[in-house]
PDB file of N, CA and C in Angstrom:
ATOM      1  N   MET A   1    -168.353 -82.024 -16.632  1.00  0.00           N
ATOM      2  CA  MET A   1    -167.934 -82.949 -17.623  1.00  0.00           C
ATOM      3  C   MET A   1    -168.152 -82.378 -18.917  1.00  0.00           C
ATOM      4  N   PRO A   2    -167.208 -82.565 -19.778  1.00  0.00           N
ATOM      5  CA  PRO A   2    -167.251 -82.069 -21.159  1.00  0.00           C
ATOM      6  C   PRO A   2    -168.332 -82.787 -21.993  1.00  0.00           C
ATOM      7  N   SER A   3    -168.920 -82.170 -22.890  1.00  0.00           N
ATOM      8  CA  SER A   3    -169.907 -82.906 -23.782  1.00  0.00           C
ATOM      9  C   SER A   3    -169.124 -83.721 -24.722  1.00  0.00           C
ATOM     10  N   ILE A   4    -169.831 -84.507 -25.491  1.00  0.00           N
ATOM     11  CA  ILE A   4    -169.142 -85.408 -26.512  1.00  0.00           C
ATOM     12  C   ILE A   4    -168.383 -84.604 -27.455  1.00  0.00           C
ATOM     13  N   ALA A   5    -169.002 -83.460 -27.870  1.00  0.00           N
ATOM     14  CA  ALA A   5    -168.365 -82.527 -28.953  1.00  0.00           C
ATOM     15  C   ALA A   5    -167.117 -82.026 -28.307  1.00  0.00           C
ATOM     16  N   GLU A   6    -167.261 -81.528 -27.060  1.00  0.00           N
ATOM     17  CA  GLU A   6    -166.009 -80.885 -26.443  1.00  0.00           C
ATOM     18  C   GLU A   6    -164.891 -81.954 -26.134  1.00  0.00           C
ATOM     19  N   ASP A   7    -165.301 -83.112 -25.877  1.00  0.00           N
ATOM     20  CA  ASP A   7    -164.300 -84.266 -25.667  1.00  0.00           C
ATOM     21  C   ASP A   7    -163.650 -84.517 -26.883  1.00  0.00           C
ATOM     22  N   ARG A   8    -164.331 -84.428 -28.006  1.00  0.00           N
ATOM     23  CA  ARG A   8    -163.672 -84.715 -29.373  1.00  0.00           C
ATOM     24  C   ARG A   8    -162.623 -83.507 -29.688  1.00  0.00           C
ATOM     25  N   GLU A   9    -162.971 -82.388 -29.482  1.00  0.00           N
ATOM     26  CA  GLU A   9    -162.199 -81.271 -29.692  1.00  0.00           C
ATOM     27  C   GLU A   9    -160.837 -81.423 -28.705  1.00  0.00           C
ATOM     28  N   ILE A  10    -161.160 -81.677 -27.433  1.00  0.00           N
ATOM     29  CA  ILE A  10    -159.980 -81.908 -26.556  1.00  0.00           C
ATOM     30  C   ILE A  10    -159.073 -82.864 -27.011  1.00  0.00           C
ATOM     31  N   THR A  11    -159.592 -84.097 -27.534  1.00  0.00           N
ATOM     32  CA  THR A  11    -158.726 -85.178 -27.934  1.00  0.00           C
ATOM     33  C   THR A  11    -158.014 -84.806 -29.264  1.00  0.00           C
ATOM     34  N   LYS A  12    -158.785 -84.154 -30.114  1.00  0.00           N
ATOM     35  CA  LYS A  12    -158.086 -83.673 -31.386  1.00  0.00           C
ATOM     36  C   LYS A  12    -156.908 -82.742 -31.073  1.00  0.00           C
ATOM     37  N   ALA A  13    -157.063 -81.868 -30.144  1.00  0.00           N
ATOM     38  CA  ALA A  13    -156.038 -80.911 -29.871  1.00  0.00           C
ATOM     39  C   ALA A  13    -154.975 -81.576 -29.167  1.00  0.00           C
ATOM     40  N   ALA A  14    -155.149 -82.501 -28.234  1.00  0.00           N
ATOM     41  CA  ALA A  14    -154.091 -83.359 -27.580  1.00  0.00           C
ATOM     42  C   ALA A  14    -153.324 -84.154 -28.605  1.00  0.00           C
ATOM     43  N   LYS A  15    -154.000 -84.778 -29.673  1.00  0.00           N
ATOM     44  CA  LYS A  15    -153.249 -85.463 -30.624  1.00  0.00           C
ATOM     45  C   LYS A  15    -152.455 -84.619 -31.489  1.00  0.00           C
ATOM     46  N   ALA A  16    -152.861 -83.390 -31.684  1.00  0.00           N
ATOM     47  CA  ALA A  16    -152.119 -82.489 -32.547  1.00  0.00           C
ATOM     48  C   ALA A  16    -150.802 -82.005 -31.914  1.00  0.00           C
ATOM     49  N   ASP A  17    -150.715 -82.039 -30.506  1.00  0.00           N
ATOM     50  CA  ASP A  17    -149.544 -81.527 -29.714  1.00  0.00           C
ATOM     51  C   ASP A  17    -148.545 -82.588 -29.788  1.00  0.00           C
ATOM     52  N   PRO A  18    -147.384 -82.277 -30.442  1.00  0.00           N
ATOM     53  CA  PRO A  18    -146.266 -83.297 -30.409  1.00  0.00           C
ATOM     54  C   PRO A  18    -145.717 -83.716 -29.066  1.00  0.00           C
ATOM     55  N   ASP A  19    -145.862 -82.878 -28.100  1.00  0.00           N
ATOM     56  CA  ASP A  19    -145.415 -83.158 -26.724  1.00  0.00           C
ATOM     57  C   ASP A  19    -146.359 -83.939 -25.839  1.00  0.00           C
ATOM     58  N   ALA A  20    -147.592 -84.146 -26.357  1.00  0.00           N
ATOM     59  CA  ALA A  20    -148.669 -84.820 -25.600  1.00  0.00           C
ATOM     60  C   ALA A  20    -149.307 -85.876 -26.448  1.00  0.00           C
ATOM     61  N   GLN A  21    -148.473 -86.759 -26.926  1.00  0.00           N
ATOM     62  CA  GLN A  21    -149.050 -87.870 -27.740  1.00  0.00           C
ATOM     63  C   GLN A  21    -149.652 -89.017 -26.805  1.00  0.00           C
ATOM     64  N   PRO A  22    -150.698 -89.616 -27.232  1.00  0.00           N
ATOM     65  CA  PRO A  22    -151.279 -90.754 -26.362  1.00  0.00           C
ATOM     66  C   PRO A  22    -150.295 -91.818 -26.286  1.00  0.00           C
ATOM     67  N   LEU A  23    -150.365 -92.499 -25.303  1.00  0.00           N
ATOM     68  CA  LEU A  23    -149.494 -93.644 -25.021  1.00  0.00           C
ATOM     69  C   LEU A  23    -149.906 -94.755 -25.903  1.00  0.00           C
ATOM     70  N   THR A  24    -148.813 -95.617 -26.380  1.00  0.00           N
ATOM     71  CA  THR A  24    -149.188 -96.739 -27.208  1.00  0.00           C
ATOM     72  C   THR A  24    -149.623 -97.894 -26.263  1.00  0.00           C
ATOM     73  N   ALA A  25    -150.177 -98.918 -26.893  1.00  0.00           N
ATOM     74  CA  ALA A  25    -150.585-100.088 -26.172  1.00  0.00           C
ATOM     75  C   ALA A  25    -149.440-100.707 -25.329  1.00  0.00           C
ATOM     76  N   ASN A  26    -148.152-100.719 -26.030  1.00  0.00           N
ATOM     77  CA  ASN A  26    -147.034-101.299 -25.395  1.00  0.00           C
ATOM     78  C   ASN A  26    -146.544-100.465 -24.163  1.00  0.00           C
ATOM     79  N   GLN A  27    -146.658 -99.055 -24.279  1.00  0.00           N
ATOM     80  CA  GLN A  27    -146.346 -98.313 -23.151  1.00  0.00           C
ATOM     81  C   GLN A  27    -147.441 -98.363 -22.047  1.00  0.00           C
ATOM     82  N   LEU A  28    -148.653 -98.537 -22.277  1.00  0.00           N
ATOM     83  CA  LEU A  28    -149.586 -98.753 -21.351  1.00  0.00           C
ATOM     84  C   LEU A  28    -149.492-100.117 -20.567  1.00  0.00           C
ATOM     85  N   LYS A  29    -149.130-101.128 -21.391  1.00  0.00           N
ATOM     86  CA  LYS A  29    -148.854-102.456 -20.807  1.00  0.00           C
ATOM     87  C   LYS A  29    -147.664-102.383 -19.833  1.00  0.00           C
ATOM     88  N   ALA A  30    -146.614-101.629 -20.202  1.00  0.00           N
ATOM     89  CA  ALA A  30    -145.406-101.612 -19.355  1.00  0.00           C
ATOM     90  C   ALA A  30    -145.511-100.780 -18.092  1.00  0.00           C
ATOM     91  N   MET A  31    -146.617-100.003 -17.928  1.00  0.00           N
ATOM     92  CA  MET A  31    -146.853 -99.111 -16.743  1.00  0.00           C
ATOM     93  C   MET A  31    -146.944-100.016 -15.539  1.00  0.00           C
ATOM     94  N   VAL A  32    -146.454 -99.486 -14.391  1.00  0.00           N
ATOM     95  CA  VAL A  32    -146.479-100.099 -13.113  1.00  0.00           C
ATOM     96  C   VAL A  32    -147.158 -99.181 -12.196  1.00  0.00           C
ATOM     97  N   PRO A  33    -148.132 -99.671 -11.262  1.00  0.00           N
ATOM     98  CA  PRO A  33    -148.816 -98.816 -10.467  1.00  0.00           C
ATOM     99  C   PRO A  33    -147.793 -98.199  -9.507  1.00  0.00           C
ATOM    100  N   LEU A  34    -148.041 -96.967  -9.167  1.00  0.00           N
ATOM    101  CA  LEU A  34    -147.056 -96.165  -8.368  1.00  0.00           C
ATOM    102  C   LEU A  34    -146.865 -96.778  -7.007  1.00  0.00           C
ATOM    103  N   ARG A  35    -147.864 -97.415  -6.514  1.00  0.00           N
ATOM    104  CA  ARG A  35    -147.873 -98.039  -5.244  1.00  0.00           C
ATOM    105  C   ARG A  35    -146.671 -98.998  -5.098  1.00  0.00           C
ATOM    106  N   THR A  36    -146.306 -99.780  -6.152  1.00  0.00           N
ATOM    107  CA  THR A  36    -145.392-100.791  -6.111  1.00  0.00           C
ATOM    108  C   THR A  36    -143.919-100.100  -6.225  1.00  0.00           C
ATOM    109  N   LEU A  37    -143.870 -98.919  -6.522  1.00  0.00           N
ATOM    110  CA  LEU A  37    -142.495 -98.235  -6.702  1.00  0.00           C
ATOM    111  C   LEU A  37    -142.159 -97.454  -5.391  1.00  0.00           C
ATOM    112  N   ARG A  38    -143.071 -97.166  -4.412  1.00  0.00           N
ATOM    113  CA  ARG A  38    -142.813 -96.489  -3.306  1.00  0.00           C
ATOM    114  C   ARG A  38    -142.111 -97.199  -2.308  1.00  0.00           C
ATOM    115  N   GLY A  39    -141.268 -96.455  -1.412  1.00  0.00           N
ATOM    116  CA  GLY A  39    -140.544 -96.977  -0.424  1.00  0.00           C
ATOM    117  C   GLY A  39    -139.261 -97.800  -0.752  1.00  0.00           C
ATOM    118  N   ARG A  40    -138.693 -98.310   0.339  1.00  0.00           N
ATOM    119  CA  ARG A  40    -137.612 -99.224   0.065  1.00  0.00           C
ATOM    120  C   ARG A  40    -137.968-100.635  -0.429  1.00  0.00           C
ATOM    121  N   PRO A  41    -136.919-101.164  -1.171  1.00  0.00           N
ATOM    122  CA  PRO A  41    -137.218-102.532  -1.586  1.00  0.00           C
ATOM    123  C   PRO A  41    -137.382-103.416  -0.384  1.00  0.00           C
ATOM    124  N   LYS A  42    -138.127-104.520  -0.398  1.00  0.00           N
ATOM    125  CA  LYS A  42    -138.321-105.369   0.720  1.00  0.00           C
ATOM    126  C   LYS A  42    -137.119-106.103   0.880  1.00  0.00           C
ATOM    127  N   SER A  43    -136.672-106.158   2.200  1.00  0.00           N
ATOM    128  CA  SER A  43    -135.445-106.792   2.723  1.00  0.00           C
ATOM    129  C   SER A  43    -135.740-108.391   2.773  1.00  0.00           C
ATOM    130  N   GLU A  44    -134.654-109.084   2.301  1.00  0.00           N
ATOM    131  CA  GLU A  44    -134.735-110.596   2.475  1.00  0.00           C
ATOM    132  C   GLU A  44    -134.642-110.974   3.949  1.00  0.00           C
ATOM    133  N   ASN A  45    -133.952-110.177   4.724  1.00  0.00           N
ATOM    134  CA  ASN A  45    -133.786-110.464   6.183  1.00  0.00           C
ATOM    135  C   ASN A  45    -134.461-109.234   6.979  1.00  0.00           C
ATOM    136  N   PRO A  46    -135.601-109.068   7.047  1.00  0.00           N
ATOM    137  CA  PRO A  46    -136.199-107.773   7.744  1.00  0.00           C
ATOM    138  C   PRO A  46    -135.863-107.846   9.208  1.00  0.00           C
ATOM    139  N   LYS A  47    -135.732-106.621   9.741  1.00  0.00           N
ATOM    140  CA  LYS A  47    -135.417-106.552  11.144  1.00  0.00           C
ATOM    141  C   LYS A  47    -136.750-106.605  11.925  1.00  0.00           C
ATOM    142  N   GLN A  48    -136.594-107.025  13.157  1.00  0.00           N
ATOM    143  CA  GLN A  48    -137.855-107.312  13.939  1.00  0.00           C
ATOM    144  C   GLN A  48    -137.922-106.120  14.880  1.00  0.00           C
ATOM    145  N   LEU A  49    -139.085-105.548  15.160  1.00  0.00           N
ATOM    146  CA  LEU A  49    -139.316-104.522  16.009  1.00  0.00           C
ATOM    147  C   LEU A  49    -139.503-105.041  17.444  1.00  0.00           C
ATOM    148  N   VAL A  50    -138.800-104.642  18.401  1.00  0.00           N
ATOM    149  CA  VAL A  50    -138.709-105.141  19.831  1.00  0.00           C
ATOM    150  C   VAL A  50    -138.757-103.834  20.685  1.00  0.00           C
ATOM    151  N   SER A  51    -139.126-103.979  21.959  1.00  0.00           N
ATOM    152  CA  SER A  51    -138.969-103.037  22.987  1.00  0.00           C
ATOM    153  C   SER A  51    -137.863-103.458  23.900  1.00  0.00           C
ATOM    154  N   VAL A  52    -136.868-102.573  24.086  1.00  0.00           N
ATOM    155  CA  VAL A  52    -135.751-103.099  24.834  1.00  0.00           C
ATOM    156  C   VAL A  52    -135.461-101.744  25.744  1.00  0.00           C
ATOM    157  N   ARG A  53    -135.001-102.067  27.001  1.00  0.00           N
ATOM    158  CA  ARG A  53    -134.457-100.978  27.799  1.00  0.00           C
ATOM    159  C   ARG A  53    -133.029-100.928  28.043  1.00  0.00           C
ATOM    160  N   TYR A  54    -132.293 -99.795  27.571  1.00  0.00           N
ATOM    161  CA  TYR A  54    -130.850 -99.737  27.686  1.00  0.00           C
ATOM    162  C   TYR A  54    -130.568 -98.749  28.839  1.00  0.00           C
ATOM    163  N   SER A  55    -129.320 -98.832  29.305  1.00  0.00           N
ATOM    164  CA  SER A  55    -128.906 -97.889  30.395  1.00  0.00           C
ATOM    165  C   SER A  55    -128.791 -96.417  29.625  1.00  0.00           C
ATOM    166  N   GLN A  56    -128.928 -95.480  30.478  1.00  0.00           N
ATOM    167  CA  GLN A  56    -128.820 -94.104  29.960  1.00  0.00           C
ATOM    168  C   GLN A  56    -127.369 -93.796  29.417  1.00  0.00           C
ATOM    169  N   GLU A  57    -126.348 -94.484  29.856  1.00  0.00           N
ATOM    170  CA  GLU A  57    -125.019 -94.175  29.485  1.00  0.00           C
ATOM    171  C   GLU A  57    -124.866 -94.884  28.056  1.00  0.00           C
ATOM    172  N   VAL A  58    -125.391 -96.041  27.848  1.00  0.00           N
ATOM    173  CA  VAL A  58    -125.375 -96.665  26.541  1.00  0.00           C
ATOM    174  C   VAL A  58    -126.049 -95.852  25.440  1.00  0.00           C
ATOM    175  N   LEU A  59    -127.133 -95.376  25.721  1.00  0.00           N
ATOM    176  CA  LEU A  59    -127.996 -94.605  24.797  1.00  0.00           C
ATOM    177  C   LEU A  59    -127.325 -93.305  24.512  1.00  0.00           C
ATOM    178  N   ALA A  60    -126.843 -92.614  25.515  1.00  0.00           N
ATOM    179  CA  ALA A  60    -126.191 -91.222  25.367  1.00  0.00           C
ATOM    180  C   ALA A  60    -124.990 -91.471  24.432  1.00  0.00           C
ATOM    181  N   TYR A  61    -124.230 -92.518  24.793  1.00  0.00           N
ATOM    182  CA  TYR A  61    -123.045 -92.656  23.826  1.00  0.00           C
ATOM    183  C   TYR A  61    -123.447 -92.857  22.343  1.00  0.00           C
ATOM    184  N   PHE A  62    -124.408 -93.790  22.098  1.00  0.00           N
ATOM    185  CA  PHE A  62    -124.652 -94.059  20.688  1.00  0.00           C
ATOM    186  C   PHE A  62    -125.414 -92.837  20.062  1.00  0.00           C
ATOM    187  N   ARG A  63    -126.288 -92.110  20.914  1.00  0.00           N
ATOM    188  CA  ARG A  63    -126.899 -91.049  20.295  1.00  0.00           C
ATOM    189  C   ARG A  63    -125.916 -89.869  19.988  1.00  0.00           C
ATOM    190  N   SER A  64    -124.836 -89.844  20.741  1.00  0.00           N
ATOM    191  CA  SER A  64    -123.838 -88.775  20.565  1.00  0.00           C
ATOM    192  C   SER A  64    -122.941 -89.020  19.248  1.00  0.00           C
ATOM    193  N   THR A  65    -123.121 -90.172  18.663  1.00  0.00           N
ATOM    194  CA  THR A  65    -122.312 -90.466  17.467  1.00  0.00           C
ATOM    195  C   THR A  65    -123.106 -90.060  16.104  1.00  0.00           C
ATOM    196  N   GLY A  66    -124.283 -89.392  16.373  1.00  0.00           N
ATOM    197  CA  GLY A  66    -125.051 -88.809  15.247  1.00  0.00           C
ATOM    198  C   GLY A  66    -125.991 -89.730  14.592  1.00  0.00           C
ATOM    199  N   GLU A  67    -126.620 -89.375  13.401  1.00  0.00           N
ATOM    200  CA  GLU A  67    -127.605 -90.131  12.743  1.00  0.00           C
ATOM    201  C   GLU A  67    -127.008 -91.436  12.397  1.00  0.00           C
ATOM    202  N   GLY A  68    -127.812 -92.375  12.526  1.00  0.00           N
ATOM    203  CA  GLY A  68    -127.503 -93.847  12.218  1.00  0.00           C
ATOM    204  C   GLY A  68    -127.152 -94.508  13.455  1.00  0.00           C
ATOM    205  N   TRP A  69    -127.415 -93.939  14.750  1.00  0.00           N
ATOM    206  CA  TRP A  69    -126.812 -94.513  15.837  1.00  0.00           C
ATOM    207  C   TRP A  69    -127.434 -95.922  16.159  1.00  0.00           C
ATOM    208  N   GLN A  70    -128.741 -96.035  15.677  1.00  0.00           N
ATOM    209  CA  GLN A  70    -129.414 -97.324  16.006  1.00  0.00           C
ATOM    210  C   GLN A  70    -128.843 -98.459  15.135  1.00  0.00           C
ATOM    211  N   ALA A  71    -128.376 -98.138  13.918  1.00  0.00           N
ATOM    212  CA  ALA A  71    -127.729 -99.039  13.083  1.00  0.00           C
ATOM    213  C   ALA A  71    -126.367 -99.473  13.626  1.00  0.00           C
ATOM    214  N   ARG A  72    -125.652 -98.559  14.243  1.00  0.00           N
ATOM    215  CA  ARG A  72    -124.413 -98.689  14.825  1.00  0.00           C
ATOM    216  C   ARG A  72    -124.609 -99.711  16.034  1.00  0.00           C
ATOM    217  N   MET A  73    -125.625 -99.460  16.844  1.00  0.00           N
ATOM    218  CA  MET A  73    -125.845-100.433  17.936  1.00  0.00           C
ATOM    219  C   MET A  73    -126.059-101.830  17.477  1.00  0.00           C
ATOM    220  N   ASP A  74    -126.844-101.886  16.426  1.00  0.00           N
ATOM    221  CA  ASP A  74    -127.048-103.289  15.809  1.00  0.00           C
ATOM    222  C   ASP A  74    -125.746-103.813  15.303  1.00  0.00           C
ATOM    223  N   SER A  75    -124.866-103.076  14.759  1.00  0.00           N
ATOM    224  CA  SER A  75    -123.576-103.679  14.310  1.00  0.00           C
ATOM    225  C   SER A  75    -122.719-104.128  15.505  1.00  0.00           C
ATOM    226  N   VAL A  76    -122.717-103.335  16.466  1.00  0.00           N
ATOM    227  CA  VAL A  76    -122.004-103.661  17.780  1.00  0.00           C
ATOM    228  C   VAL A  76    -122.474-105.055  18.311  1.00  0.00           C
ATOM    229  N   LEU A  77    -123.842-105.136  18.373  1.00  0.00           N
ATOM    230  CA  LEU A  77    -124.426-106.446  18.883  1.00  0.00           C
ATOM    231  C   LEU A  77    -124.169-107.582  17.887  1.00  0.00           C
ATOM    232  N   LYS A  78    -124.265-107.309  16.687  1.00  0.00           N
ATOM    233  CA  LYS A  78    -123.991-108.498  15.652  1.00  0.00           C
ATOM    234  C   LYS A  78    -122.486-108.924  15.821  1.00  0.00           C
ATOM    235  N   GLU A  79    -121.653-107.962  15.979  1.00  0.00           N
ATOM    236  CA  GLU A  79    -120.295-108.270  16.232  1.00  0.00           C
ATOM    237  C   GLU A  79    -120.100-109.219  17.446  1.00  0.00           C
ATOM    238  N   TYR A  80    -120.774-108.797  18.570  1.00  0.00           N
ATOM    239  CA  TYR A  80    -120.667-109.564  19.761  1.00  0.00           C
ATOM    240  C   TYR A  80    -121.185-111.032  19.675  1.00  0.00           C
ATOM    241  N   VAL A  81    -122.323-111.064  18.859  1.00  0.00           N
ATOM    242  CA  VAL A  81    -122.968-112.403  18.639  1.00  0.00           C
ATOM    243  C   VAL A  81    -121.905-113.270  17.771  1.00  0.00           C
ATOM    244  N   THR A  82    -121.297-112.552  16.895  1.00  0.00           N
ATOM    245  CA  THR A  82    -120.367-113.434  16.030  1.00  0.00           C
ATOM    246  C   THR A  82    -119.223-113.840  16.892  1.00  0.00           C
ATOM    247  N   LYS A  83    -118.695-113.139  17.719  1.00  0.00           N
ATOM    248  CA  LYS A  83    -117.550-113.499  18.586  1.00  0.00           C
ATOM    249  C   LYS A  83    -117.985-114.608  19.569  1.00  0.00           C
ATOM    250  N   GLN A  84    -119.205-114.508  20.133  1.00  0.00           N
ATOM    251  CA  GLN A  84    -119.608-115.496  21.044  1.00  0.00           C
ATOM    252  C   GLN A  84    -119.910-116.814  20.322  1.00  0.00           C
ATOM    253  N   SER A  85    -120.395-116.694  19.098  1.00  0.00           N
ATOM    254  CA  SER A  85    -120.673-117.907  18.303  1.00  0.00           C
ATOM    255  C   SER A  85    -119.313-118.696  18.111  1.00  0.00           C
ATOM    256  N   ARG A  86    -118.306-117.908  17.844  1.00  0.00           N
ATOM    257  CA  ARG A  86    -116.880-118.540  17.503  1.00  0.00           C
ATOM    258  C   ARG A  86    -116.456-119.196  18.773  1.00  0.00           C
ATOM    259  N   ARG A  87    -116.632-118.563  19.899  1.00  0.00           N
ATOM    260  CA  ARG A  87    -116.210-119.150  21.154  1.00  0.00           C
ATOM    261  C   ARG A  87    -116.957-120.440  21.428  1.00  0.00           C
ATOM    262  N   ALA A  88    -118.115-120.468  21.160  1.00  0.00           N
ATOM    263  CA  ALA A  88    -118.890-121.648  21.480  1.00  0.00           C
ATOM    264  C   ALA A  88    -118.578-122.823  20.539  1.00  0.00           C
ATOM    265  N   GLN A  89    -118.071-122.540  19.464  1.00  0.00           N
ATOM    266  CA  GLN A  89    -117.676-123.544  18.501  1.00  0.00           C
ATOM    267  C   GLN A  89    -116.309-124.206  18.823  1.00  0.00           C
ATOM    268  N   LYS A  90    -115.545-123.482  19.553  1.00  0.00           N
ATOM    269  CA  LYS A  90    -114.167-124.063  19.985  1.00  0.00           C
ATOM    270  C   LYS A  90    -114.285-125.104  21.062  1.00  0.00           C
TER     271      LYS A  90
END
């Protein structure tokens, strides 16, 4: 740890550097903890984690379509649900 005199010298040198000016009170107030900026924004409709067993043929097909295959499976299932819901309403 620097002594009080060394700390004063460090602070004086930092204040003299135009590229390293101390933050203003408004800048400090506007700061947001890094933790809140990490990751994806929270979804309004989060998906639920479940364990499901699919046939090898179904998995092989969707995996062969490349990255995002799980999202494509979800889209296909959503489309099926929509069609079935329409049938049920008739």
